[in-house]
Amino acid sequence: MGRQLRWLWLAFTASTVGTWLGFDAFPLIAILALHAGPGAVSLLSAVGLAAGAVLALPLGPWVEFRRKRPVMIAMDLVRFAALISIPTTYALNCLSFLQLVIVSVVAGAAGIAFRAAGGAFLKSLVPPEDLLAANGRFEATTWTATVLGPPLGNAAIGAFGPVVTVAADAVSYLLSAAGITAIGGREPRPAPRTDGSRDGVGGWQYILAHPALRPLLFNTVLVNALILATAPLMAVLMLGPLGFAVWQYGLAFGLPCIGGLIGARLARPLVGRFGERRTLLVSGTLRACWSIGLAFVSPGAGGLVLVMAVQLPWSRAWACSTRCSRPTVCSRPGRTGSRAP
């Protein structure tokens, strides 16, 4: 991969492992430590991400005209500082629901800025003909961490308390910042625009006017919105009335992500045989059909198997469709408070 790309990949690996160890950390803390109900857990998932996205809107133009590596390091340090406050206040017995919301907002906005800078930085390191191979390396890392992280993280929560994975996630950002720093080299400062446009409106106009990007944007928004609508409710249901242990909850959503590894491997030969459009259409349709099974989850081993059976083909279809629609990957899946890959 070359020394610089290797360091970037190691930084990505560290932060991605931390993310998936902290799978659903904030909802779990709200449920287990603060005894929050379905409404509060849903509010935590929605408000943090929405406010983070709003705050991130002006960050896009700000990132565009700055060197990307310092921005990535700064955003990693911001997320470390925000996340490490959770175990600190928990140890002092003064953790509050409002703090969870604020940290979720800060971490979400910083994550969006990091991804904006990271995507551009990856393209500066990798020749266009090698982007697909680099993308595959990052994608395989993501899905491997997705399989292993939630069961291990939730087992750690059961053994050491509800904030241990947040502490691990915070440390992973420090490791990520160290890896990005080790990349070294000089990065040229982007040339300023001469038309005076710095508000990011032009980017939205381009996406909304593009015949392919516009439906992909709406599809992504709709799919992620529906997933996030059910995610906090499933956490409350499984850890509350259905009586599943924390490690079982992590296993139910982590183990089926093996399907994501399968989908990531199948995407390239499927596209070669059927084309991108047909592969996107079929895999996108399949991923929408399976979630209805979550409405029939029951207590006991049968319910656990049902959740995993629903998630396995969904993850495989999701990975296949996202690899077809996304040319580069250079960020962690935003996951201390969200489910979107």
Protein backbone atom coordinates (compact mmCIF):
# COMPACT_ATOMS: atom_id res chain seq x y z
CA MET A 1 0.00 0.00 0.00
CA GLY A 2 2.91 2.35 0.55
CA ARG A 3 3.96 3.86 3.87
CA GLN A 4 1.50 6.78 3.91
CA LEU A 5 -1.54 4.73 2.95
CA ARG A 6 -0.50 2.04 5.44
CA TRP A 7 -0.50 4.58 8.29
CA LEU A 8 -3.89 5.90 7.16
CA TRP A 9 -5.28 2.38 7.12
CA LEU A 10 -3.86 1.66 10.60
CA ALA A 11 -5.43 4.87 11.93
CA PHE A 12 -8.73 3.89 10.29
CA THR A 13 -8.50 0.40 11.79
CA ALA A 14 -7.91 1.72 15.30
CA SER A 15 -10.85 4.11 15.20
CA THR A 16 -13.15 1.60 13.50
CA VAL A 17 -12.45 -1.05 16.12
CA GLY A 18 -13.17 1.53 18.81
CA THR A 19 -16.41 2.50 17.12
CA TRP A 20 -17.75 -1.02 16.97
CA LEU A 21 -16.63 -1.87 20.48
CA GLY A 22 -18.82 1.09 21.41
CA PHE A 23 -21.78 -0.23 19.41
CA ASP A 24 -24.94 1.59 20.64
CA ALA A 25 -22.97 2.88 23.62
CA PHE A 26 -25.09 5.98 24.24
CA PRO A 27 -28.49 4.21 24.12
CA LEU A 28 -27.09 1.46 26.35
CA ILE A 29 -25.82 4.01 28.87
CA ALA A 30 -29.17 5.79 28.80
CA ILE A 31 -31.01 2.50 29.39
CA LEU A 32 -28.67 0.82 31.88
CA ALA A 33 -27.24 3.77 33.83
CA LEU A 34 -29.89 6.48 33.53
CA HIS A 35 -32.94 4.17 33.23
CA ALA A 36 -34.28 6.11 30.25
CA GLY A 37 -37.43 4.99 28.45
CA PRO A 38 -38.15 4.55 24.73
CA GLY A 39 -38.95 8.23 24.18
CA ALA A 40 -35.73 9.48 25.75
CA VAL A 41 -33.59 6.89 23.95
CA SER A 42 -35.19 7.79 20.62
CA LEU A 43 -34.66 11.47 21.36
CA LEU A 44 -30.99 10.83 22.11
CA SER A 45 -30.49 9.03 18.81
CA ALA A 46 -32.38 11.65 16.78
CA VAL A 47 -31.34 14.96 18.33
CA GLY A 48 -27.64 14.20 18.50
CA LEU A 49 -27.37 13.17 14.87
CA ALA A 50 -29.67 15.90 13.55
CA ALA A 51 -27.94 18.69 15.44
CA GLY A 52 -24.55 17.29 14.48
CA ALA A 53 -25.57 17.32 10.82
CA VAL A 54 -26.81 20.94 11.08
CA LEU A 55 -23.57 22.03 12.71
CA ALA A 56 -21.63 20.18 10.04
CA LEU A 57 -23.19 22.15 7.18
CA PRO A 58 -20.86 25.14 7.56
CA LEU A 59 -17.94 22.79 8.26
CA GLY A 60 -17.91 21.49 4.67
CA PRO A 61 -16.75 24.76 3.06
CA TRP A 62 -14.40 25.32 6.01
CA VAL A 63 -12.76 21.91 5.40
CA GLU A 64 -12.56 22.44 1.65
CA PHE A 65 -10.08 25.31 1.89
CA ARG A 66 -7.79 23.80 4.52
CA ARG A 67 -5.19 21.09 4.58
CA LYS A 68 -7.03 17.86 5.22
CA ARG A 69 -4.62 16.04 7.53
CA PRO A 70 -4.60 18.73 10.28
CA VAL A 71 -8.40 18.82 10.11
CA MET A 72 -8.60 15.04 10.57
CA ILE A 73 -6.22 15.14 13.53
CA ALA A 74 -8.14 18.01 15.13
CA MET A 75 -11.48 16.22 14.72
CA ASP A 76 -10.05 13.06 16.29
CA LEU A 77 -8.86 15.07 19.30
CA VAL A 78 -12.23 16.82 19.60
CA ARG A 79 -14.01 13.47 19.64
CA PHE A 80 -11.56 12.09 22.20
CA ALA A 81 -12.18 15.05 24.52
CA ALA A 82 -15.95 14.78 24.12
CA LEU A 83 -16.15 11.02 24.65
CA ILE A 84 -13.70 10.78 27.55
CA SER A 85 -15.96 13.15 29.51
CA ILE A 86 -18.58 10.38 29.71
CA PRO A 87 -16.60 7.86 31.81
CA THR A 88 -15.13 10.77 33.80
CA THR A 89 -18.51 12.14 34.89
CA TYR A 90 -19.85 8.62 35.39
CA ALA A 91 -17.01 7.88 37.81
CA LEU A 92 -17.87 11.14 39.65
CA ASN A 93 -21.55 10.12 39.73
CA CYS A 94 -22.69 13.22 37.85
CA LEU A 95 -23.44 11.85 34.39
CA SER A 96 -26.64 13.30 32.93
CA PHE A 97 -28.86 12.69 29.92
CA LEU A 98 -28.16 16.24 28.71
CA GLN A 99 -24.43 15.47 28.63
CA LEU A 100 -25.07 12.42 26.46
CA VAL A 101 -26.98 14.60 24.00
CA ILE A 102 -24.29 17.30 23.92
CA VAL A 103 -21.48 14.77 23.44
CA SER A 104 -23.49 13.08 20.70
CA VAL A 105 -23.86 16.42 18.89
CA VAL A 106 -20.16 17.30 19.18
CA ALA A 107 -18.99 13.83 18.15
CA GLY A 108 -21.44 13.74 15.24
CA ALA A 109 -20.36 17.12 13.85
CA ALA A 110 -16.68 16.27 14.26
CA GLY A 111 -17.24 12.93 12.56
CA ILE A 112 -18.85 14.56 9.53
CA ALA A 113 -15.97 17.03 9.22
CA PHE A 114 -13.49 14.15 9.53
CA ARG A 115 -15.19 12.19 6.77
CA ALA A 116 -15.26 15.23 4.49
CA ALA A 117 -11.52 15.73 4.96
CA GLY A 118 -10.72 12.01 4.91
CA GLY A 119 -12.35 11.32 1.56
CA ALA A 120 -10.35 14.08 -0.13
CA PHE A 121 -7.14 13.05 1.64
CA LEU A 122 -7.44 9.44 0.49
CA LYS A 123 -7.72 10.57 -3.12
CA SER A 124 -4.52 12.56 -2.70
CA LEU A 125 -2.66 9.42 -1.56
CA VAL A 126 -4.01 6.85 -4.00
CA PRO A 127 -3.92 6.94 -7.82
CA PRO A 128 -7.38 6.72 -9.41
CA GLU A 129 -6.71 3.22 -10.75
CA ASP A 130 -5.98 1.96 -7.21
CA LEU A 131 -8.97 3.53 -5.44
CA LEU A 132 -11.10 0.40 -5.82
CA ALA A 133 -8.45 -1.77 -4.17
CA ALA A 134 -7.96 0.76 -1.35
CA ASN A 135 -11.72 0.99 -0.92
CA GLY A 136 -11.90 -2.79 -0.61
CA ARG A 137 -9.24 -2.76 2.12
CA PHE A 138 -11.15 -0.18 4.15
CA GLU A 139 -14.47 -1.93 3.53
CA ALA A 140 -13.13 -5.32 4.67
CA THR A 141 -11.71 -3.67 7.81
CA THR A 142 -15.06 -2.06 8.55
CA TRP A 143 -17.07 -5.24 8.27
CA THR A 144 -14.55 -7.30 10.23
CA ALA A 145 -14.77 -4.79 13.09
CA THR A 146 -18.55 -4.81 12.72
CA VAL A 147 -18.64 -8.58 13.23
CA LEU A 148 -16.30 -8.72 16.21
CA GLY A 149 -16.85 -5.38 17.94
CA PRO A 150 -20.44 -5.49 19.23
CA PRO A 151 -20.27 -8.92 20.93
CA LEU A 152 -16.91 -8.09 22.54
CA GLY A 153 -17.98 -4.58 23.50
CA ASN A 154 -21.26 -5.63 25.03
CA ALA A 155 -19.56 -8.48 26.89
CA ALA A 156 -17.19 -5.84 28.32
CA ILE A 157 -20.18 -3.73 29.34
CA GLY A 158 -21.66 -6.71 31.18
CA ALA A 159 -18.36 -7.32 32.97
CA PHE A 160 -17.05 -3.81 33.63
CA GLY A 161 -20.00 -1.42 33.43
CA PRO A 162 -21.85 0.68 30.83
CA VAL A 163 -19.15 3.27 30.04
CA VAL A 164 -16.13 1.03 29.43
CA THR A 165 -16.64 0.90 25.67
CA VAL A 166 -16.97 4.68 25.47
CA ALA A 167 -13.56 4.95 27.14
CA ALA A 168 -12.15 2.47 24.60
CA ASP A 169 -13.74 4.42 21.75
CA ALA A 170 -12.20 7.66 23.06
CA VAL A 171 -8.74 6.08 23.19
CA SER A 172 -9.19 4.82 19.64
CA TYR A 173 -9.44 8.43 18.47
CA LEU A 174 -6.10 9.19 20.09
CA LEU A 175 -4.58 6.22 18.25
CA SER A 176 -6.18 7.41 15.03
CA ALA A 177 -4.74 10.91 15.49
CA ALA A 178 -1.30 9.41 16.15
CA GLY A 179 -1.51 7.27 13.00
CA ILE A 180 -2.54 10.22 10.83
CA THR A 181 0.28 12.30 12.31
CA ALA A 182 2.76 9.53 11.43
CA ILE A 183 1.80 9.77 7.74
CA GLY A 184 4.14 12.71 7.42
CA GLY A 185 4.94 14.54 4.23
CA ARG A 186 3.85 17.99 3.10
CA GLU A 187 0.29 18.63 2.06
CA PRO A 188 -0.28 21.64 -0.22
CA ARG A 189 -2.86 24.17 0.88
CA PRO A 190 -5.94 24.07 -1.38
CA ALA A 191 -6.23 27.04 -3.70
CA PRO A 192 -9.00 29.46 -2.69
CA ARG A 193 -11.95 29.88 -4.99
CA THR A 194 -12.01 32.93 -7.18
CA ASP A 195 -15.81 33.17 -7.48
CA GLY A 196 -16.30 33.98 -3.79
CA SER A 197 -18.52 30.93 -3.22
CA ARG A 198 -17.76 29.53 0.22
CA ASP A 199 -21.19 28.67 1.61
CA GLY A 200 -21.52 25.09 0.33
CA VAL A 201 -24.72 25.87 -1.60
CA GLY A 202 -23.07 25.00 -4.88
CA GLY A 203 -22.41 21.45 -3.71
CA TRP A 204 -26.05 20.90 -2.78
CA GLN A 205 -27.18 22.39 -6.08
CA TYR A 206 -24.89 20.04 -7.96
CA ILE A 207 -26.12 16.95 -6.09
CA LEU A 208 -29.81 17.86 -6.38
CA ALA A 209 -29.48 18.58 -10.10
CA HIS A 210 -27.51 15.42 -10.88
CA PRO A 211 -29.72 12.62 -12.32
CA ALA A 212 -27.80 9.86 -10.49
CA LEU A 213 -26.64 11.55 -7.28
CA ARG A 214 -30.07 12.98 -6.41
CA PRO A 215 -31.90 9.61 -6.14
CA LEU A 216 -28.89 8.07 -4.36
CA LEU A 217 -29.02 10.88 -1.79
CA PHE A 218 -32.77 10.47 -1.21
CA ASN A 219 -32.39 6.70 -1.02
CA THR A 220 -29.64 6.98 1.59
CA VAL A 221 -31.61 9.49 3.67
CA LEU A 222 -34.78 7.39 3.57
CA VAL A 223 -33.10 4.06 4.36
CA ASN A 224 -31.02 5.46 7.21
CA ALA A 225 -34.00 7.35 8.63
CA LEU A 226 -36.09 4.18 8.80
CA ILE A 227 -33.22 2.21 10.35
CA LEU A 228 -32.63 4.87 12.99
CA ALA A 229 -36.36 5.01 13.73
CA THR A 230 -36.33 1.37 14.85
CA ALA A 231 -32.81 1.07 16.32
CA PRO A 232 -33.44 2.70 19.74
CA LEU A 233 -36.77 0.92 20.09
CA MET A 234 -35.12 -2.46 19.46
CA ALA A 235 -32.52 -1.68 22.12
CA VAL A 236 -35.19 -0.81 24.70
CA LEU A 237 -37.32 -3.82 23.72
CA MET A 238 -34.52 -6.41 23.78
CA LEU A 239 -32.83 -5.14 26.95
CA GLY A 240 -36.13 -4.47 28.72
CA PRO A 241 -39.37 -6.44 28.20
CA LEU A 242 -37.75 -9.27 26.22
CA GLY A 243 -35.05 -9.76 28.86
CA PHE A 244 -31.98 -10.24 26.67
CA ALA A 245 -28.56 -9.74 28.25
CA VAL A 246 -26.28 -6.99 26.96
CA TRP A 247 -23.92 -9.51 25.36
CA GLN A 248 -26.84 -11.16 23.56
CA TYR A 249 -27.91 -7.79 22.18
CA GLY A 250 -24.41 -7.19 20.83
CA LEU A 251 -24.23 -10.70 19.39
CA ALA A 252 -27.59 -10.28 17.66
CA PHE A 253 -26.40 -7.28 15.68
CA GLY A 254 -22.69 -8.08 15.40
CA LEU A 255 -22.53 -11.68 14.24
CA PRO A 256 -24.87 -11.19 11.24
CA CYS A 257 -22.46 -8.58 9.87
CA ILE A 258 -20.57 -11.53 8.44
CA GLY A 259 -23.11 -10.94 5.69
CA GLY A 260 -21.45 -7.58 5.12
CA LEU A 261 -18.11 -9.25 4.48
CA ILE A 262 -19.80 -11.60 2.03
CA GLY A 263 -21.56 -8.72 0.28
CA ALA A 264 -18.36 -6.69 0.06
CA ARG A 265 -16.62 -9.63 -1.62
CA LEU A 266 -19.54 -10.33 -3.98
CA ALA A 267 -20.03 -6.73 -5.12
CA ARG A 268 -17.22 -6.65 -7.66
CA PRO A 269 -18.02 -9.94 -9.49
CA LEU A 270 -21.75 -9.13 -9.43
CA VAL A 271 -21.14 -5.72 -10.95
CA GLY A 272 -18.90 -7.31 -13.57
CA ARG A 273 -21.64 -9.75 -14.53
CA PHE A 274 -24.86 -7.73 -14.12
CA GLY A 275 -23.74 -4.08 -14.12
CA GLU A 276 -23.93 -1.46 -11.39
CA ARG A 277 -27.54 -0.42 -11.97
CA ARG A 278 -29.02 -3.91 -11.74
CA THR A 279 -26.86 -4.83 -8.76
CA LEU A 280 -27.91 -1.66 -6.94
CA LEU A 281 -31.57 -2.23 -7.73
CA VAL A 282 -31.68 -5.87 -6.62
CA SER A 283 -29.52 -5.51 -3.50
CA GLY A 284 -31.30 -2.30 -2.51
CA THR A 285 -34.67 -4.01 -2.82
CA LEU A 286 -33.55 -7.06 -0.85
CA ARG A 287 -32.23 -5.00 2.04
CA ALA A 288 -35.64 -3.31 2.34
CA CYS A 289 -37.59 -6.58 2.58
CA TRP A 290 -36.02 -8.20 5.63
CA SER A 291 -36.52 -5.65 8.39
CA ILE A 292 -40.21 -6.53 8.79
CA GLY A 293 -39.08 -9.67 10.61
CA LEU A 294 -37.97 -7.57 13.60
CA ALA A 295 -41.64 -6.98 14.42
CA PHE A 296 -41.93 -10.65 15.44
CA VAL A 297 -38.99 -10.88 17.87
CA SER A 298 -39.88 -12.83 21.03
CA PRO A 299 -38.02 -13.69 24.25
CA GLY A 300 -35.56 -16.56 24.39
CA ALA A 301 -33.25 -18.28 21.95
CA GLY A 302 -35.84 -18.23 19.17
CA GLY A 303 -36.07 -14.45 19.26
CA LEU A 304 -32.29 -14.10 19.25
CA VAL A 305 -32.00 -16.38 16.23
CA LEU A 306 -34.75 -14.43 14.46
CA VAL A 307 -32.91 -11.13 14.90
CA MET A 308 -29.70 -12.64 13.53
CA ALA A 309 -31.57 -14.29 10.64
CA VAL A 310 -33.12 -10.94 9.69
CA GLN A 311 -29.84 -9.03 9.99
CA LEU A 312 -27.66 -11.50 8.02
CA PRO A 313 -29.15 -11.06 4.51
CA TRP A 314 -29.82 -7.38 5.25
CA SER A 315 -26.12 -6.77 5.99
CA ARG A 316 -25.06 -8.68 2.88
CA ALA A 317 -27.40 -6.66 0.65
CA TRP A 318 -26.37 -3.40 2.32
CA ALA A 319 -22.66 -4.02 1.80
CA CYS A 320 -23.20 -4.96 -1.81
CA SER A 321 -25.30 -1.87 -2.56
CA THR A 322 -23.01 0.55 -0.71
CA ARG A 323 -19.87 -0.71 -2.46
CA CYS A 324 -21.60 -0.21 -5.80
CA SER A 325 -22.76 3.32 -5.00
CA ARG A 326 -19.73 4.63 -3.06
CA PRO A 327 -16.43 4.98 -4.95
CA THR A 328 -14.19 5.67 -1.96
CA VAL A 329 -14.24 5.00 1.76
CA CYS A 330 -12.12 6.96 4.19
CA SER A 331 -13.96 7.24 7.45
CA ARG A 332 -15.31 5.19 10.22
CA PRO A 333 -18.97 4.21 10.18
CA GLY A 334 -20.46 6.84 12.37
CA ARG A 335 -21.32 4.72 15.25
CA THR A 336 -21.43 5.78 18.80
CA GLY A 337 -24.97 6.89 18.33
CA SER A 338 -26.03 5.70 14.86
CA ARG A 339 -26.43 2.59 12.80
CA ALA A 340 -25.53 3.87 9.35
CA PRO A 341 -22.53 2.02 7.86
